[in-house]
Protein backbone atom coordinates (compact mmCIF):
# COMPACT_ATOMS: atom_id res chain seq x y z
CA UNK A 1 0.00 0.00 0.00
CA UNK A 2 1.32 3.45 -0.89
CA UNK A 3 2.19 5.92 1.85
CA UNK A 4 -0.51 8.35 0.70
CA UNK A 5 -3.13 5.61 1.03
CA UNK A 6 -1.89 4.72 4.52
CA UNK A 7 -2.02 8.38 5.53
CA UNK A 8 -5.60 8.68 4.24
CA UNK A 9 -6.56 5.43 5.94
CA UNK A 10 -5.41 6.90 9.25
CA UNK A 11 -7.89 9.79 8.86
CA UNK A 12 -10.72 7.47 7.80
CA UNK A 13 -10.16 5.15 10.76
CA UNK A 14 -9.97 8.13 13.10
CA UNK A 15 -13.30 9.39 11.77
CA UNK A 16 -14.88 5.97 12.27
CA UNK A 17 -13.43 5.81 15.79
CA UNK A 18 -15.13 9.08 16.75
CA UNK A 19 -18.48 7.78 15.48
CA UNK A 20 -18.05 4.54 17.43
CA UNK A 21 -17.02 6.54 20.50
CA UNK A 22 -20.26 8.52 20.31
CA UNK A 23 -22.31 5.34 20.12
CA UNK A 24 -20.35 3.77 22.99
CA UNK A 25 -20.90 6.89 25.09
CA UNK A 26 -24.67 6.55 24.79
CA UNK A 27 -24.57 2.84 25.62
CA UNK A 28 -22.30 3.52 28.60
CA UNK A 29 -24.65 6.20 29.88
CA UNK A 30 -27.66 3.93 29.54
CA UNK A 31 -26.11 0.77 31.00
CA UNK A 32 -23.92 2.57 33.59
CA UNK A 33 -20.70 1.08 32.27
CA UNK A 34 -17.38 2.07 33.70
CA UNK A 35 -15.46 4.61 31.69
CA UNK A 36 -12.78 2.17 30.51
CA UNK A 37 -13.93 2.55 26.92
CA UNK A 38 -12.77 6.18 27.05
CA UNK A 39 -9.22 5.09 27.88
CA UNK A 40 -9.31 2.65 24.98
CA UNK A 41 -10.61 5.38 22.69
CA UNK A 42 -7.85 7.81 23.70
CA UNK A 43 -5.19 5.18 22.97
CA UNK A 44 -6.77 4.38 19.59
CA UNK A 45 -7.13 8.07 18.67
CA UNK A 46 -3.55 8.91 19.66
CA UNK A 47 -2.26 5.90 17.72
CA UNK A 48 -4.15 7.01 14.61
CA UNK A 49 -2.98 10.63 14.94
CA UNK A 50 0.59 9.42 15.32
CA UNK A 51 0.26 7.07 12.33
CA UNK A 52 -0.91 9.98 10.17
CA UNK A 53 2.03 12.06 11.39
CA UNK A 54 4.44 9.18 10.75
CA UNK A 55 3.27 8.55 7.18
CA UNK A 56 3.00 12.26 6.39
CA UNK A 57 6.56 12.91 7.58
CA UNK A 58 7.78 10.09 5.32
CA UNK A 59 5.91 11.58 2.35
CA UNK A 60 7.08 15.15 3.00
CA UNK A 61 10.59 14.02 3.93
CA UNK A 62 10.62 15.87 7.25
CA UNK A 63 12.81 14.28 9.96
CA UNK A 64 10.96 13.29 13.12
CA UNK A 65 12.63 14.26 16.39
CA UNK A 66 12.01 12.74 19.81
CA UNK A 67 10.54 16.03 21.03
CA UNK A 68 8.16 16.25 18.10
CA UNK A 69 7.16 12.61 18.55
CA UNK A 70 6.40 13.33 22.20
CA UNK A 71 4.40 16.46 21.34
CA UNK A 72 2.31 14.62 18.76
CA UNK A 73 1.51 11.87 21.26
CA UNK A 74 1.19 13.80 24.51
CA UNK A 75 0.01 17.22 23.34
CA UNK A 76 -1.63 16.57 19.98
CA UNK A 77 -3.23 20.02 19.77
CA UNK A 78 0.24 21.57 19.94
CA UNK A 79 2.31 18.85 18.28
CA UNK A 80 0.46 18.50 14.98
CA UNK A 81 0.19 22.24 14.25
CA UNK A 82 3.86 22.60 15.24
CA UNK A 83 4.75 19.81 12.83
CA UNK A 84 2.63 21.36 10.08
CA UNK A 85 4.34 24.75 10.45
CA UNK A 86 7.81 23.21 10.66
CA UNK A 87 7.40 20.85 7.71
CA UNK A 88 5.41 23.10 5.36
CA UNK A 89 6.36 26.67 6.20
CA UNK A 90 4.17 29.47 7.56
CA UNK A 91 1.56 29.75 4.79
CA UNK A 92 0.89 26.03 4.25
CA UNK A 93 1.31 25.42 7.99
CA UNK A 94 -1.43 27.92 8.75
CA UNK A 95 -3.71 26.33 6.15
CA UNK A 96 -2.88 22.84 7.42
CA UNK A 97 -3.57 23.88 11.01
CA UNK A 98 -6.94 25.29 9.94
CA UNK A 99 -7.79 22.02 8.22
CA UNK A 100 -6.67 20.08 11.31
CA UNK A 101 -8.81 22.19 13.64
CA UNK A 102 -11.73 21.88 11.22
CA UNK A 103 -11.26 18.11 11.27
CA UNK A 104 -11.27 18.10 15.06
CA UNK A 105 -14.50 20.11 15.10
CA UNK A 106 -16.02 17.70 12.57
CA UNK A 107 -15.04 14.70 14.69
CA UNK A 108 -16.72 16.22 17.75
CA UNK A 109 -19.89 16.69 15.68
CA UNK A 110 -19.51 13.10 14.44
CA UNK A 111 -19.15 11.85 18.02
CA UNK A 112 -22.32 13.74 18.95
CA UNK A 113 -24.08 12.21 15.92
CA UNK A 114 -22.89 8.77 17.08
CA UNK A 115 -24.46 9.42 20.49
CA UNK A 116 -27.74 10.27 18.76
CA UNK A 117 -27.53 7.05 16.74
CA UNK A 118 -26.88 5.12 19.94
CA UNK A 119 -29.87 6.79 21.59
CA UNK A 120 -32.12 5.91 18.64
CA UNK A 121 -30.85 2.33 18.57
CA UNK A 122 -31.52 1.89 22.29
CA UNK A 123 -35.02 3.34 22.00
CA UNK A 124 -35.73 1.12 19.03
CA UNK A 125 -34.42 -1.93 20.92
CA UNK A 126 -36.53 -1.19 24.00
CA UNK A 127 -39.57 -0.21 21.93
CA UNK A 128 -39.95 3.25 23.49
C-alpha atoms as a PDB file:
ATOM      1  CA  UNK A   1       0.000   0.000   0.000  1.00  0.00           C
ATOM      2  CA  UNK A   2       1.324   3.447  -0.886  1.00  0.00           C
ATOM      3  CA  UNK A   3       2.186   5.918   1.845  1.00  0.00           C
ATOM      4  CA  UNK A   4      -0.514   8.350   0.696  1.00  0.00           C
ATOM      5  CA  UNK A   5      -3.131   5.609   1.033  1.00  0.00           C
ATOM      6  CA  UNK A   6      -1.892   4.720   4.519  1.00  0.00           C
ATOM      7  CA  UNK A   7      -2.018   8.382   5.530  1.00  0.00           C
ATOM      8  CA  UNK A   8      -5.597   8.685   4.240  1.00  0.00           C
ATOM      9  CA  UNK A   9      -6.557   5.427   5.941  1.00  0.00           C
ATOM     10  CA  UNK A  10      -5.406   6.905   9.254  1.00  0.00           C
ATOM     11  CA  UNK A  11      -7.894   9.786   8.864  1.00  0.00           C
ATOM     12  CA  UNK A  12     -10.717   7.470   7.805  1.00  0.00           C
ATOM     13  CA  UNK A  13     -10.156   5.153  10.758  1.00  0.00           C
ATOM     14  CA  UNK A  14      -9.968   8.133  13.104  1.00  0.00           C
ATOM     15  CA  UNK A  15     -13.301   9.395  11.765  1.00  0.00           C
ATOM     16  CA  UNK A  16     -14.884   5.971  12.271  1.00  0.00           C
ATOM     17  CA  UNK A  17     -13.427   5.805  15.794  1.00  0.00           C
ATOM     18  CA  UNK A  18     -15.128   9.075  16.751  1.00  0.00           C
ATOM     19  CA  UNK A  19     -18.479   7.784  15.485  1.00  0.00           C
ATOM     20  CA  UNK A  20     -18.051   4.538  17.435  1.00  0.00           C
ATOM     21  CA  UNK A  21     -17.021   6.543  20.500  1.00  0.00           C
ATOM     22  CA  UNK A  22     -20.257   8.518  20.313  1.00  0.00           C
ATOM     23  CA  UNK A  23     -22.310   5.337  20.122  1.00  0.00           C
ATOM     24  CA  UNK A  24     -20.352   3.774  22.991  1.00  0.00           C
ATOM     25  CA  UNK A  25     -20.905   6.893  25.090  1.00  0.00           C
ATOM     26  CA  UNK A  26     -24.668   6.552  24.787  1.00  0.00           C
ATOM     27  CA  UNK A  27     -24.571   2.835  25.621  1.00  0.00           C
ATOM     28  CA  UNK A  28     -22.302   3.519  28.596  1.00  0.00           C
ATOM     29  CA  UNK A  29     -24.652   6.205  29.881  1.00  0.00           C
ATOM     30  CA  UNK A  30     -27.658   3.926  29.537  1.00  0.00           C
ATOM     31  CA  UNK A  31     -26.105   0.768  31.001  1.00  0.00           C
ATOM     32  CA  UNK A  32     -23.921   2.574  33.590  1.00  0.00           C
ATOM     33  CA  UNK A  33     -20.705   1.075  32.267  1.00  0.00           C
ATOM     34  CA  UNK A  34     -17.379   2.071  33.698  1.00  0.00           C
ATOM     35  CA  UNK A  35     -15.458   4.611  31.691  1.00  0.00           C
ATOM     36  CA  UNK A  36     -12.779   2.172  30.510  1.00  0.00           C
ATOM     37  CA  UNK A  37     -13.934   2.547  26.924  1.00  0.00           C
ATOM     38  CA  UNK A  38     -12.773   6.177  27.055  1.00  0.00           C
ATOM     39  CA  UNK A  39      -9.219   5.085  27.875  1.00  0.00           C
ATOM     40  CA  UNK A  40      -9.311   2.649  24.976  1.00  0.00           C
ATOM     41  CA  UNK A  41     -10.613   5.381  22.691  1.00  0.00           C
ATOM     42  CA  UNK A  42      -7.848   7.810  23.700  1.00  0.00           C
ATOM     43  CA  UNK A  43      -5.190   5.178  22.974  1.00  0.00           C
ATOM     44  CA  UNK A  44      -6.765   4.376  19.586  1.00  0.00           C
ATOM     45  CA  UNK A  45      -7.130   8.066  18.672  1.00  0.00           C
ATOM     46  CA  UNK A  46      -3.545   8.905  19.655  1.00  0.00           C
ATOM     47  CA  UNK A  47      -2.256   5.903  17.716  1.00  0.00           C
ATOM     48  CA  UNK A  48      -4.147   7.011  14.606  1.00  0.00           C
ATOM     49  CA  UNK A  49      -2.985  10.635  14.942  1.00  0.00           C
ATOM     50  CA  UNK A  50       0.585   9.417  15.322  1.00  0.00           C
ATOM     51  CA  UNK A  51       0.262   7.066  12.331  1.00  0.00           C
ATOM     52  CA  UNK A  52      -0.907   9.978  10.175  1.00  0.00           C
ATOM     53  CA  UNK A  53       2.031  12.059  11.393  1.00  0.00           C
ATOM     54  CA  UNK A  54       4.443   9.176  10.749  1.00  0.00           C
ATOM     55  CA  UNK A  55       3.267   8.546   7.175  1.00  0.00           C
ATOM     56  CA  UNK A  56       3.001  12.262   6.394  1.00  0.00           C
ATOM     57  CA  UNK A  57       6.557  12.911   7.579  1.00  0.00           C
ATOM     58  CA  UNK A  58       7.779  10.094   5.321  1.00  0.00           C
ATOM     59  CA  UNK A  59       5.910  11.581   2.349  1.00  0.00           C
ATOM     60  CA  UNK A  60       7.079  15.150   3.003  1.00  0.00           C
ATOM     61  CA  UNK A  61      10.590  14.018   3.934  1.00  0.00           C
ATOM     62  CA  UNK A  62      10.617  15.866   7.249  1.00  0.00           C
ATOM     63  CA  UNK A  63      12.813  14.281   9.964  1.00  0.00           C
ATOM     64  CA  UNK A  64      10.958  13.290  13.117  1.00  0.00           C
ATOM     65  CA  UNK A  65      12.628  14.257  16.389  1.00  0.00           C
ATOM     66  CA  UNK A  66      12.010  12.744  19.808  1.00  0.00           C
ATOM     67  CA  UNK A  67      10.541  16.025  21.032  1.00  0.00           C
ATOM     68  CA  UNK A  68       8.156  16.254  18.099  1.00  0.00           C
ATOM     69  CA  UNK A  69       7.159  12.607  18.546  1.00  0.00           C
ATOM     70  CA  UNK A  70       6.405  13.335  22.197  1.00  0.00           C
ATOM     71  CA  UNK A  71       4.403  16.462  21.344  1.00  0.00           C
ATOM     72  CA  UNK A  72       2.306  14.625  18.756  1.00  0.00           C
ATOM     73  CA  UNK A  73       1.512  11.867  21.258  1.00  0.00           C
ATOM     74  CA  UNK A  74       1.193  13.801  24.508  1.00  0.00           C
ATOM     75  CA  UNK A  75       0.009  17.222  23.337  1.00  0.00           C
ATOM     76  CA  UNK A  76      -1.626  16.572  19.980  1.00  0.00           C
ATOM     77  CA  UNK A  77      -3.228  20.025  19.772  1.00  0.00           C
ATOM     78  CA  UNK A  78       0.242  21.567  19.940  1.00  0.00           C
ATOM     79  CA  UNK A  79       2.312  18.852  18.276  1.00  0.00           C
ATOM     80  CA  UNK A  80       0.463  18.499  14.981  1.00  0.00           C
ATOM     81  CA  UNK A  81       0.189  22.245  14.250  1.00  0.00           C
ATOM     82  CA  UNK A  82       3.856  22.598  15.242  1.00  0.00           C
ATOM     83  CA  UNK A  83       4.747  19.812  12.834  1.00  0.00           C
ATOM     84  CA  UNK A  84       2.635  21.358  10.081  1.00  0.00           C
ATOM     85  CA  UNK A  85       4.340  24.749  10.451  1.00  0.00           C
ATOM     86  CA  UNK A  86       7.812  23.209  10.664  1.00  0.00           C
ATOM     87  CA  UNK A  87       7.396  20.852   7.710  1.00  0.00           C
ATOM     88  CA  UNK A  88       5.412  23.103   5.360  1.00  0.00           C
ATOM     89  CA  UNK A  89       6.361  26.671   6.204  1.00  0.00           C
ATOM     90  CA  UNK A  90       4.167  29.473   7.562  1.00  0.00           C
ATOM     91  CA  UNK A  91       1.560  29.747   4.791  1.00  0.00           C
ATOM     92  CA  UNK A  92       0.888  26.031   4.252  1.00  0.00           C
ATOM     93  CA  UNK A  93       1.313  25.417   7.990  1.00  0.00           C
ATOM     94  CA  UNK A  94      -1.427  27.925   8.751  1.00  0.00           C
ATOM     95  CA  UNK A  95      -3.711  26.330   6.151  1.00  0.00           C
ATOM     96  CA  UNK A  96      -2.880  22.835   7.423  1.00  0.00           C
ATOM     97  CA  UNK A  97      -3.573  23.878  11.013  1.00  0.00           C
ATOM     98  CA  UNK A  98      -6.943  25.293   9.939  1.00  0.00           C
ATOM     99  CA  UNK A  99      -7.788  22.020   8.222  1.00  0.00           C
ATOM    100  CA  UNK A 100      -6.666  20.078  11.307  1.00  0.00           C
ATOM    101  CA  UNK A 101      -8.810  22.195  13.639  1.00  0.00           C
ATOM    102  CA  UNK A 102     -11.732  21.877  11.224  1.00  0.00           C
ATOM    103  CA  UNK A 103     -11.259  18.113  11.266  1.00  0.00           C
ATOM    104  CA  UNK A 104     -11.270  18.096  15.064  1.00  0.00           C
ATOM    105  CA  UNK A 105     -14.497  20.115  15.101  1.00  0.00           C
ATOM    106  CA  UNK A 106     -16.022  17.700  12.570  1.00  0.00           C
ATOM    107  CA  UNK A 107     -15.042  14.704  14.691  1.00  0.00           C
ATOM    108  CA  UNK A 108     -16.724  16.217  17.747  1.00  0.00           C
ATOM    109  CA  UNK A 109     -19.885  16.687  15.684  1.00  0.00           C
ATOM    110  CA  UNK A 110     -19.511  13.103  14.444  1.00  0.00           C
ATOM    111  CA  UNK A 111     -19.155  11.851  18.023  1.00  0.00           C
ATOM    112  CA  UNK A 112     -22.319  13.744  18.952  1.00  0.00           C
ATOM    113  CA  UNK A 113     -24.076  12.209  15.921  1.00  0.00           C
ATOM    114  CA  UNK A 114     -22.887   8.766  17.079  1.00  0.00           C
ATOM    115  CA  UNK A 115     -24.457   9.416  20.491  1.00  0.00           C
ATOM    116  CA  UNK A 116     -27.737  10.268  18.763  1.00  0.00           C
ATOM    117  CA  UNK A 117     -27.525   7.051  16.741  1.00  0.00           C
ATOM    118  CA  UNK A 118     -26.881   5.117  19.940  1.00  0.00           C
ATOM    119  CA  UNK A 119     -29.865   6.785  21.591  1.00  0.00           C
ATOM    120  CA  UNK A 120     -32.124   5.913  18.640  1.00  0.00           C
ATOM    121  CA  UNK A 121     -30.848   2.326  18.572  1.00  0.00           C
ATOM    122  CA  UNK A 122     -31.520   1.888  22.285  1.00  0.00           C
ATOM    123  CA  UNK A 123     -35.022   3.342  22.003  1.00  0.00           C
ATOM    124  CA  UNK A 124     -35.731   1.115  19.030  1.00  0.00           C
ATOM    125  CA  UNK A 125     -34.419  -1.930  20.924  1.00  0.00           C
ATOM    126  CA  UNK A 126     -36.528  -1.187  23.995  1.00  0.00           C
ATOM    127  CA  UNK A 127     -39.566  -0.208  21.932  1.00  0.00           C
ATOM    128  CA  UNK A 128     -39.947   3.247  23.494  1.00  0.00           C
END
